[in-house]
Amino acid sequence: MPHSKRDVSAANFSLHEAHCMRFLAICPECNEPIALKEMEKHQEEEHKQVRVFATVLTGKYTILCSIALSRDGPEV
């Protein structure tokens, strides 16, 4: 499985592949290649969910909403 998603010349392929397999991993959330040493930071910054609470006033009723937001979109 290609790790870097880059086009590499045939002459450099073996060295490039070995480097990628050693230092990169595919993020399970976004399927992008991420340096292994940066994976935890990437997960925290790019895929952390934040719970947002909102109160909506509609005429007679008050609606309380809760939604989890992430970089990938809302999860209700």
PDB file of N, CA and C in Angstrom:
ATOM      1  N   MET A   1       0.850  -1.181   0.000  1.00  0.00           N
ATOM      2  CA  MET A   1       0.000   0.000   0.000  1.00  0.00           C
ATOM      3  C   MET A   1       0.895   1.243   0.000  1.00  0.00           C
ATOM      4  N   PRO A   2       0.676   2.144  -0.918  1.00  0.00           N
ATOM      5  CA  PRO A   2       1.498   3.359  -0.941  1.00  0.00           C
ATOM      6  C   PRO A   2       1.211   4.227   0.280  1.00  0.00           C
ATOM      7  N   HIS A   3       2.273   4.665   0.901  1.00  0.00           N
ATOM      8  CA  HIS A   3       2.120   5.480   2.100  1.00  0.00           C
ATOM      9  C   HIS A   3       2.082   6.974   1.792  1.00  0.00           C
ATOM     10  N   SER A   4       2.897   7.429   0.877  1.00  0.00           N
ATOM     11  CA  SER A   4       3.010   8.872   0.660  1.00  0.00           C
ATOM     12  C   SER A   4       2.066   9.400  -0.414  1.00  0.00           C
ATOM     13  N   LYS A   5       1.505   8.530  -1.209  1.00  0.00           N
ATOM     14  CA  LYS A   5       0.615   8.919  -2.311  1.00  0.00           C
ATOM     15  C   LYS A   5       1.312   9.827  -3.323  1.00  0.00           C
ATOM     16  N   ARG A   6       2.605   9.665  -3.480  1.00  0.00           N
ATOM     17  CA  ARG A   6       3.376  10.467  -4.432  1.00  0.00           C
ATOM     18  C   ARG A   6       3.841   9.600  -5.587  1.00  0.00           C
ATOM     19  N   ASP A   7       4.013  10.232  -6.730  1.00  0.00           N
ATOM     20  CA  ASP A   7       4.619   9.551  -7.864  1.00  0.00           C
ATOM     21  C   ASP A   7       6.123   9.562  -7.669  1.00  0.00           C
ATOM     22  N   VAL A   8       6.747   8.414  -7.843  1.00  0.00           N
ATOM     23  CA  VAL A   8       8.189   8.272  -7.631  1.00  0.00           C
ATOM     24  C   VAL A   8       8.765   7.552  -8.841  1.00  0.00           C
ATOM     25  N   SER A   9       9.923   8.003  -9.289  1.00  0.00           N
ATOM     26  CA  SER A   9      10.558   7.341 -10.434  1.00  0.00           C
ATOM     27  C   SER A   9      10.958   5.920 -10.060  1.00  0.00           C
ATOM     28  N   ALA A  10      10.995   5.061 -11.046  1.00  0.00           N
ATOM     29  CA  ALA A  10      11.340   3.659 -10.819  1.00  0.00           C
ATOM     30  C   ALA A  10      12.730   3.521 -10.199  1.00  0.00           C
ATOM     31  N   ALA A  11      13.649   4.396 -10.565  1.00  0.00           N
ATOM     32  CA  ALA A  11      15.016   4.318 -10.036  1.00  0.00           C
ATOM     33  C   ALA A  11      15.053   4.569  -8.529  1.00  0.00           C
ATOM     34  N   ASN A  12      14.135   5.380  -8.001  1.00  0.00           N
ATOM     35  CA  ASN A  12      14.134   5.722  -6.573  1.00  0.00           C
ATOM     36  C   ASN A  12      13.063   4.993  -5.777  1.00  0.00           C
ATOM     37  N   PHE A  13      12.297   4.136  -6.428  1.00  0.00           N
ATOM     38  CA  PHE A  13      11.134   3.559  -5.778  1.00  0.00           C
ATOM     39  C   PHE A  13      11.466   2.748  -4.530  1.00  0.00           C
ATOM     40  N   SER A  14      12.434   1.861  -4.599  1.00  0.00           N
ATOM     41  CA  SER A  14      12.754   0.996  -3.452  1.00  0.00           C
ATOM     42  C   SER A  14      13.167   1.799  -2.236  1.00  0.00           C
ATOM     43  N   LEU A  15      14.019   2.785  -2.433  1.00  0.00           N
ATOM     44  CA  LEU A  15      14.468   3.624  -1.315  1.00  0.00           C
ATOM     45  C   LEU A  15      13.300   4.447  -0.769  1.00  0.00           C
ATOM     46  N   HIS A  16      12.505   5.005  -1.663  1.00  0.00           N
ATOM     47  CA  HIS A  16      11.348   5.799  -1.251  1.00  0.00           C
ATOM     48  C   HIS A  16      10.351   4.941  -0.464  1.00  0.00           C
ATOM     49  N   GLU A  17      10.066   3.757  -0.956  1.00  0.00           N
ATOM     50  CA  GLU A  17       9.124   2.863  -0.298  1.00  0.00           C
ATOM     51  C   GLU A  17       9.603   2.485   1.109  1.00  0.00           C
ATOM     52  N   ALA A  18      10.881   2.167   1.242  1.00  0.00           N
ATOM     53  CA  ALA A  18      11.435   1.810   2.550  1.00  0.00           C
ATOM     54  C   ALA A  18      11.319   2.988   3.530  1.00  0.00           C
ATOM     55  N   HIS A  19      11.620   4.189   3.054  1.00  0.00           N
ATOM     56  CA  HIS A  19      11.527   5.384   3.892  1.00  0.00           C
ATOM     57  C   HIS A  19      10.084   5.610   4.350  1.00  0.00           C
ATOM     58  N   CYS A  20       9.138   5.531   3.430  1.00  0.00           N
ATOM     59  CA  CYS A  20       7.729   5.749   3.757  1.00  0.00           C
ATOM     60  C   CYS A  20       7.212   4.719   4.749  1.00  0.00           C
ATOM     61  N   MET A  21       7.559   3.462   4.542  1.00  0.00           N
ATOM     62  CA  MET A  21       7.091   2.409   5.440  1.00  0.00           C
ATOM     63  C   MET A  21       7.653   2.591   6.848  1.00  0.00           C
ATOM     64  N   ARG A  22       8.819   3.154   6.949  1.00  0.00           N
ATOM     65  CA  ARG A  22       9.456   3.331   8.257  1.00  0.00           C
ATOM     66  C   ARG A  22       8.953   4.578   8.979  1.00  0.00           C
ATOM     67  N   PHE A  23       8.681   5.663   8.257  1.00  0.00           N
ATOM     68  CA  PHE A  23       8.409   6.944   8.899  1.00  0.00           C
ATOM     69  C   PHE A  23       6.981   7.472   8.739  1.00  0.00           C
ATOM     70  N   LEU A  24       6.165   6.852   7.892  1.00  0.00           N
ATOM     71  CA  LEU A  24       4.809   7.353   7.662  1.00  0.00           C
ATOM     72  C   LEU A  24       3.761   6.300   8.002  1.00  0.00           C
ATOM     73  N   ALA A  25       2.572   6.790   8.312  1.00  0.00           N
ATOM     74  CA  ALA A  25       1.420   5.912   8.500  1.00  0.00           C
ATOM     75  C   ALA A  25       0.216   6.616   7.871  1.00  0.00           C
ATOM     76  N   ILE A  26      -0.759   5.840   7.474  1.00  0.00           N
ATOM     77  CA  ILE A  26      -1.987   6.406   6.921  1.00  0.00           C
ATOM     78  C   ILE A  26      -2.946   6.662   8.081  1.00  0.00           C
ATOM     79  N   CYS A  27      -3.412   7.880   8.189  1.00  0.00           N
ATOM     80  CA  CYS A  27      -4.363   8.241   9.238  1.00  0.00           C
ATOM     81  C   CYS A  27      -5.664   7.477   9.008  1.00  0.00           C
ATOM     82  N   PRO A  28      -6.165   6.789  10.025  1.00  0.00           N
ATOM     83  CA  PRO A  28      -7.404   6.037   9.848  1.00  0.00           C
ATOM     84  C   PRO A  28      -8.645   6.921   9.677  1.00  0.00           C
ATOM     85  N   GLU A  29      -8.554   8.180  10.057  1.00  0.00           N
ATOM     86  CA  GLU A  29      -9.688   9.090   9.952  1.00  0.00           C
ATOM     87  C   GLU A  29      -9.795   9.734   8.568  1.00  0.00           C
ATOM     88  N   CYS A  30      -8.664  10.224   8.039  1.00  0.00           N
ATOM     89  CA  CYS A  30      -8.705  10.994   6.788  1.00  0.00           C
ATOM     90  C   CYS A  30      -7.951  10.323   5.633  1.00  0.00           C
ATOM     91  N   ASN A  31      -7.309   9.194   5.901  1.00  0.00           N
ATOM     92  CA  ASN A  31      -6.564   8.445   4.887  1.00  0.00           C
ATOM     93  C   ASN A  31      -5.431   9.231   4.253  1.00  0.00           C
ATOM     94  N   GLU A  32      -4.867  10.170   4.994  1.00  0.00           N
ATOM     95  CA  GLU A  32      -3.718  10.938   4.518  1.00  0.00           C
ATOM     96  C   GLU A  32      -2.443  10.408   5.162  1.00  0.00           C
ATOM     97  N   PRO A  33      -1.312  10.473   4.450  1.00  0.00           N
ATOM     98  CA  PRO A  33      -0.047  10.047   5.048  1.00  0.00           C
ATOM     99  C   PRO A  33       0.424  11.060   6.088  1.00  0.00           C
ATOM    100  N   ILE A  34       0.785  10.568   7.262  1.00  0.00           N
ATOM    101  CA  ILE A  34       1.214  11.407   8.370  1.00  0.00           C
ATOM    102  C   ILE A  34       2.493  10.809   8.939  1.00  0.00           C
ATOM    103  N   ALA A  35       3.438  11.675   9.294  1.00  0.00           N
ATOM    104  CA  ALA A  35       4.658  11.194   9.947  1.00  0.00           C
ATOM    105  C   ALA A  35       4.276  10.516  11.256  1.00  0.00           C
ATOM    106  N   LEU A  36       4.859   9.351  11.522  1.00  0.00           N
ATOM    107  CA  LEU A  36       4.525   8.615  12.741  1.00  0.00           C
ATOM    108  C   LEU A  36       4.698   9.472  13.986  1.00  0.00           C
ATOM    109  N   LYS A  37       5.759  10.280  14.029  1.00  0.00           N
ATOM    110  CA  LYS A  37       6.003  11.097  15.214  1.00  0.00           C
ATOM    111  C   LYS A  37       4.989  12.229  15.359  1.00  0.00           C
ATOM    112  N   GLU A  38       4.232  12.530  14.306  1.00  0.00           N
ATOM    113  CA  GLU A  38       3.228  13.594  14.341  1.00  0.00           C
ATOM    114  C   GLU A  38       1.791  13.064  14.432  1.00  0.00           C
ATOM    115  N   MET A  39       1.613  11.736  14.450  1.00  0.00           N
ATOM    116  CA  MET A  39       0.262  11.166  14.383  1.00  0.00           C
ATOM    117  C   MET A  39      -0.606  11.581  15.568  1.00  0.00           C
ATOM    118  N   GLU A  40      -0.090  11.537  16.771  1.00  0.00           N
ATOM    119  CA  GLU A  40      -0.892  11.917  17.945  1.00  0.00           C
ATOM    120  C   GLU A  40      -1.324  13.381  17.853  1.00  0.00           C
ATOM    121  N   LYS A  41      -0.394  14.253  17.490  1.00  0.00           N
ATOM    122  CA  LYS A  41      -0.712  15.678  17.337  1.00  0.00           C
ATOM    123  C   LYS A  41      -1.750  15.871  16.224  1.00  0.00           C
ATOM    124  N   HIS A  42      -1.581  15.167  15.115  1.00  0.00           N
ATOM    125  CA  HIS A  42      -2.526  15.243  13.998  1.00  0.00           C
ATOM    126  C   HIS A  42      -3.928  14.834  14.458  1.00  0.00           C
ATOM    127  N   GLN A  43      -4.029  13.728  15.192  1.00  0.00           N
ATOM    128  CA  GLN A  43      -5.326  13.256  15.669  1.00  0.00           C
ATOM    129  C   GLN A  43      -5.993  14.299  16.568  1.00  0.00           C
ATOM    130  N   GLU A  44      -5.210  14.888  17.467  1.00  0.00           N
ATOM    131  CA  GLU A  44      -5.751  15.882  18.393  1.00  0.00           C
ATOM    132  C   GLU A  44      -6.192  17.152  17.674  1.00  0.00           C
ATOM    133  N   GLU A  45      -5.399  17.622  16.731  1.00  0.00           N
ATOM    134  CA  GLU A  45      -5.685  18.894  16.068  1.00  0.00           C
ATOM    135  C   GLU A  45      -6.699  18.775  14.927  1.00  0.00           C
ATOM    136  N   GLU A  46      -6.668  17.685  14.203  1.00  0.00           N
ATOM    137  CA  GLU A  46      -7.502  17.564  13.009  1.00  0.00           C
ATOM    138  C   GLU A  46      -8.802  16.787  13.224  1.00  0.00           C
ATOM    139  N   HIS A  47      -8.834  15.903  14.210  1.00  0.00           N
ATOM    140  CA  HIS A  47      -9.985  15.012  14.335  1.00  0.00           C
ATOM    141  C   HIS A  47     -10.662  15.060  15.701  1.00  0.00           C
ATOM    142  N   LYS A  48     -10.255  15.978  16.544  1.00  0.00           N
ATOM    143  CA  LYS A  48     -10.861  16.106  17.863  1.00  0.00           C
ATOM    144  C   LYS A  48     -12.302  16.579  17.708  1.00  0.00           C
ATOM    145  N   GLN A  49     -13.205  15.951  18.451  1.00  0.00           N
ATOM    146  CA  GLN A  49     -14.593  16.379  18.433  1.00  0.00           C
ATOM    147  C   GLN A  49     -14.855  17.327  19.591  1.00  0.00           C
ATOM    148  N   VAL A  50     -15.653  18.329  19.319  1.00  0.00           N
ATOM    149  CA  VAL A  50     -16.024  19.316  20.320  1.00  0.00           C
ATOM    150  C   VAL A  50     -17.538  19.288  20.436  1.00  0.00           C
ATOM    151  N   ARG A  51     -18.038  19.154  21.651  1.00  0.00           N
ATOM    152  CA  ARG A  51     -19.484  19.144  21.866  1.00  0.00           C
ATOM    153  C   ARG A  51     -19.960  20.580  22.025  1.00  0.00           C
ATOM    154  N   VAL A  52     -20.973  20.939  21.252  1.00  0.00           N
ATOM    155  CA  VAL A  52     -21.528  22.289  21.259  1.00  0.00           C
ATOM    156  C   VAL A  52     -22.985  22.204  21.717  1.00  0.00           C
ATOM    157  N   PHE A  53     -23.340  23.068  22.641  1.00  0.00           N
ATOM    158  CA  PHE A  53     -24.716  23.131  23.131  1.00  0.00           C
ATOM    159  C   PHE A  53     -25.338  24.441  22.671  1.00  0.00           C
ATOM    160  N   ALA A  54     -26.592  24.379  22.259  1.00  0.00           N
ATOM    161  CA  ALA A  54     -27.278  25.579  21.787  1.00  0.00           C
ATOM    162  C   ALA A  54     -28.711  25.577  22.284  1.00  0.00           C
ATOM    163  N   THR A  55     -29.217  26.744  22.515  1.00  0.00           N
ATOM    164  CA  THR A  55     -30.620  26.919  22.888  1.00  0.00           C
ATOM    165  C   THR A  55     -31.286  27.689  21.762  1.00  0.00           C
ATOM    166  N   VAL A  56     -32.375  27.136  21.249  1.00  0.00           N
ATOM    167  CA  VAL A  56     -33.101  27.763  20.153  1.00  0.00           C
ATOM    168  C   VAL A  56     -34.488  28.127  20.663  1.00  0.00           C
ATOM    169  N   LEU A  57     -34.847  29.391  20.564  1.00  0.00           N
ATOM    170  CA  LEU A  57     -36.170  29.849  20.970  1.00  0.00           C
ATOM    171  C   LEU A  57     -37.056  29.928  19.740  1.00  0.00           C
ATOM    172  N   THR A  58     -38.162  29.179  19.756  1.00  0.00           N
ATOM    173  CA  THR A  58     -39.089  29.181  18.620  1.00  0.00           C
ATOM    174  C   THR A  58     -40.495  29.416  19.147  1.00  0.00           C
ATOM    175  N   GLY A  59     -40.930  30.649  19.162  1.00  0.00           N
ATOM    176  CA  GLY A  59     -42.283  30.953  19.635  1.00  0.00           C
ATOM    177  C   GLY A  59     -42.472  30.536  21.071  1.00  0.00           C
ATOM    178  N   LYS A  60     -43.302  29.518  21.292  1.00  0.00           N
ATOM    179  CA  LYS A  60     -43.613  29.046  22.637  1.00  0.00           C
ATOM    180  C   LYS A  60     -42.575  28.086  23.188  1.00  0.00           C
ATOM    181  N   TYR A  61     -41.774  27.480  22.328  1.00  0.00           N
ATOM    182  CA  TYR A  61     -40.913  26.380  22.747  1.00  0.00           C
ATOM    183  C   TYR A  61     -39.441  26.786  22.812  1.00  0.00           C
ATOM    184  N   THR A  62     -38.735  26.177  23.736  1.00  0.00           N
ATOM    185  CA  THR A  62     -37.284  26.302  23.817  1.00  0.00           C
ATOM    186  C   THR A  62     -36.706  24.930  23.488  1.00  0.00           C
ATOM    187  N   ILE A  63     -35.854  24.883  22.520  1.00  0.00           N
ATOM    188  CA  ILE A  63     -35.246  23.625  22.090  1.00  0.00           C
ATOM    189  C   ILE A  63     -33.780  23.644  22.502  1.00  0.00           C
ATOM    190  N   LEU A  64     -33.366  22.625  23.231  1.00  0.00           N
ATOM    191  CA  LEU A  64     -31.966  22.474  23.608  1.00  0.00           C
ATOM    192  C   LEU A  64     -31.327  21.471  22.664  1.00  0.00           C
ATOM    193  N   CYS A  65     -30.224  21.840  22.060  1.00  0.00           N
ATOM    194  CA  CYS A  65     -29.551  20.985  21.082  1.00  0.00           C
ATOM    195  C   CYS A  65     -28.141  20.674  21.556  1.00  0.00           C
ATOM    196  N   SER A  66     -27.667  19.510  21.198  1.00  0.00           N
ATOM    197  CA  SER A  66     -26.291  19.118  21.455  1.00  0.00           C
ATOM    198  C   SER A  66     -25.776  18.445  20.197  1.00  0.00           C
ATOM    199  N   ILE A  67     -24.603  18.854  19.746  1.00  0.00           N
ATOM    200  CA  ILE A  67     -24.026  18.289  18.523  1.00  0.00           C
ATOM    201  C   ILE A  67     -22.512  18.188  18.694  1.00  0.00           C
ATOM    202  N   ALA A  68     -21.930  17.113  18.184  1.00  0.00           N
ATOM    203  CA  ALA A  68     -20.488  16.939  18.197  1.00  0.00           C
ATOM    204  C   ALA A  68     -19.947  17.384  16.854  1.00  0.00           C
ATOM    205  N   LEU A  69     -19.026  18.328  16.861  1.00  0.00           N
ATOM    206  CA  LEU A  69     -18.438  18.832  15.626  1.00  0.00           C
ATOM    207  C   LEU A  69     -17.002  18.350  15.504  1.00  0.00           C
ATOM    208  N   SER A  70     -16.658  17.965  14.306  1.00  0.00           N
ATOM    209  CA  SER A  70     -15.282  17.603  14.002  1.00  0.00           C
ATOM    210  C   SER A  70     -14.912  18.245  12.696  1.00  0.00           C
ATOM    211  N   ARG A  71     -13.660  18.129  12.319  1.00  0.00           N
ATOM    212  CA  ARG A  71     -13.216  18.706  11.060  1.00  0.00           C
ATOM    213  C   ARG A  71     -13.914  18.063   9.863  1.00  0.00           C
ATOM    214  N   ASP A  72     -14.307  16.803  10.038  1.00  0.00           N
ATOM    215  CA  ASP A  72     -14.941  16.050   8.963  1.00  0.00           C
ATOM    216  C   ASP A  72     -16.429  16.354   8.820  1.00  0.00           C
ATOM    217  N   GLY A  73     -17.025  17.044   9.775  1.00  0.00           N
ATOM    218  CA  GLY A  73     -18.437  17.375   9.719  1.00  0.00           C
ATOM    219  C   GLY A  73     -19.152  17.017  10.996  1.00  0.00           C
ATOM    220  N   PRO A  74     -20.412  17.405  11.124  1.00  0.00           N
ATOM    221  CA  PRO A  74     -21.147  17.158  12.365  1.00  0.00           C
ATOM    222  C   PRO A  74     -21.571  15.714  12.516  1.00  0.00           C
ATOM    223  N   GLU A  75     -21.656  15.292  13.755  1.00  0.00           N
ATOM    224  CA  GLU A  75     -22.155  13.960  14.104  1.00  0.00           C
ATOM    225  C   GLU A  75     -23.267  14.188  15.116  1.00  0.00           C
ATOM    226  N   VAL A  76     -24.480  13.883  14.746  1.00  0.00           N
ATOM    227  CA  VAL A  76     -25.636  14.151  15.615  1.00  0.00           C
ATOM    228  C   VAL A  76     -25.883  12.979  16.513  1.00  0.00           C
TER     229      VAL A  76
END
